Amino acid sequence: MYRAAFLAFGLYMVLSGGGLLFVDDVALNARISSKASPVLQWMGSSDESGRCHLQPPEWVPFTLIGVGIVTMLYSVALPRE
């Protein structure tokens, strides 16, 4: 059970990091942008229409891919139950 969970989590992180490699800006809709979140304020900025735009730093995709690969390797090393 743990092997599958770690493998799925690692794969999710690798795919998320791979997706962020090709994205420079993520525009959120007005419903989510209206919520006050410290993470949105730290990583994003608002435009004149009130929509929040997230600009992830350049190191985030590489970090997600690296941590995801290490997690997937860890899941392979776990003993079978």
Protein backbone atom coordinates (compact mmCIF):
# COMPACT_ATOMS: atom_id res chain seq x y z
CA MET A 1 0.00 0.00 0.00
CA TYR A 2 2.79 2.44 0.87
CA ARG A 3 4.64 1.66 -2.35
CA ALA A 4 1.68 2.65 -4.48
CA ALA A 5 1.05 5.81 -2.47
CA PHE A 6 4.68 6.97 -2.70
CA LEU A 7 4.85 6.10 -6.39
CA ALA A 8 1.64 8.02 -7.13
CA PHE A 9 2.78 11.03 -5.11
CA GLY A 10 6.18 11.05 -6.82
CA LEU A 11 4.61 10.75 -10.26
CA TYR A 12 2.25 13.62 -9.45
CA MET A 13 5.19 15.81 -8.45
CA VAL A 14 7.17 14.93 -11.59
CA LEU A 15 4.19 15.68 -13.83
CA SER A 16 3.46 18.95 -11.99
CA GLY A 17 7.06 20.05 -12.34
CA GLY A 18 7.10 19.07 -16.00
CA GLY A 19 3.99 21.14 -16.59
CA LEU A 20 5.51 24.15 -14.87
CA LEU A 21 8.56 23.94 -17.16
CA PHE A 22 6.40 25.23 -20.00
CA VAL A 23 4.32 27.79 -18.07
CA ASP A 24 5.46 31.33 -17.31
CA ASP A 25 2.22 32.67 -15.87
CA VAL A 26 -0.88 31.07 -14.35
CA ALA A 27 -4.02 33.24 -14.31
CA LEU A 28 -6.60 32.31 -11.67
CA ASN A 29 -10.30 33.04 -12.04
CA ALA A 30 -12.07 35.76 -10.08
CA ARG A 31 -13.61 33.39 -7.49
CA ILE A 32 -10.25 32.03 -6.36
CA SER A 33 -8.50 35.40 -6.72
CA SER A 34 -10.96 37.04 -4.33
CA LYS A 35 -9.87 34.80 -1.44
CA ALA A 36 -7.13 36.34 0.69
CA SER A 37 -4.29 33.82 0.80
CA PRO A 38 -0.72 34.56 1.90
CA VAL A 39 0.61 32.13 -0.71
CA LEU A 40 -1.22 33.92 -3.53
CA GLN A 41 0.05 37.27 -2.30
CA TRP A 42 3.62 35.95 -2.02
CA MET A 43 3.84 34.25 -5.42
CA GLY A 44 1.44 36.33 -7.46
CA SER A 45 0.23 39.73 -8.48
CA SER A 46 -3.16 41.15 -9.38
CA ASP A 47 -4.14 42.87 -12.60
CA GLU A 48 -6.68 45.65 -13.15
CA SER A 49 -9.60 43.20 -13.39
CA GLY A 50 -8.76 41.67 -9.97
CA ARG A 51 -7.50 38.34 -11.30
CA CYS A 52 -4.45 36.89 -9.61
CA HIS A 53 -1.48 35.85 -11.75
CA LEU A 54 1.06 33.40 -10.36
CA GLN A 55 4.61 33.55 -11.65
CA PRO A 56 6.45 30.57 -10.17
CA PRO A 57 10.20 31.04 -9.71
CA GLU A 58 12.48 29.26 -12.17
CA TRP A 59 13.72 26.77 -9.58
CA VAL A 60 10.25 25.36 -8.72
CA PRO A 61 9.86 22.99 -11.73
CA PHE A 62 13.32 21.50 -11.26
CA THR A 63 12.75 21.05 -7.53
CA LEU A 64 9.41 19.31 -8.08
CA ILE A 65 10.89 17.00 -10.70
CA GLY A 66 13.89 16.15 -8.52
CA VAL A 67 11.89 15.49 -5.37
CA GLY A 68 9.36 13.47 -7.37
CA ILE A 69 12.06 11.26 -8.89
CA VAL A 70 13.65 10.65 -5.49
CA THR A 71 10.23 9.77 -4.04
CA MET A 72 9.56 7.32 -6.89
CA LEU A 73 12.98 5.71 -6.36
CA TYR A 74 12.19 5.42 -2.66
CA SER A 75 8.92 3.68 -3.46
CA VAL A 76 10.78 1.09 -5.55
CA ALA A 77 13.18 0.46 -2.65
CA LEU A 78 10.39 -0.20 -0.13
CA PRO A 79 9.84 -3.87 0.70
CA ARG A 80 6.74 -5.54 -0.68
CA GLU A 81 4.06 -6.25 1.88
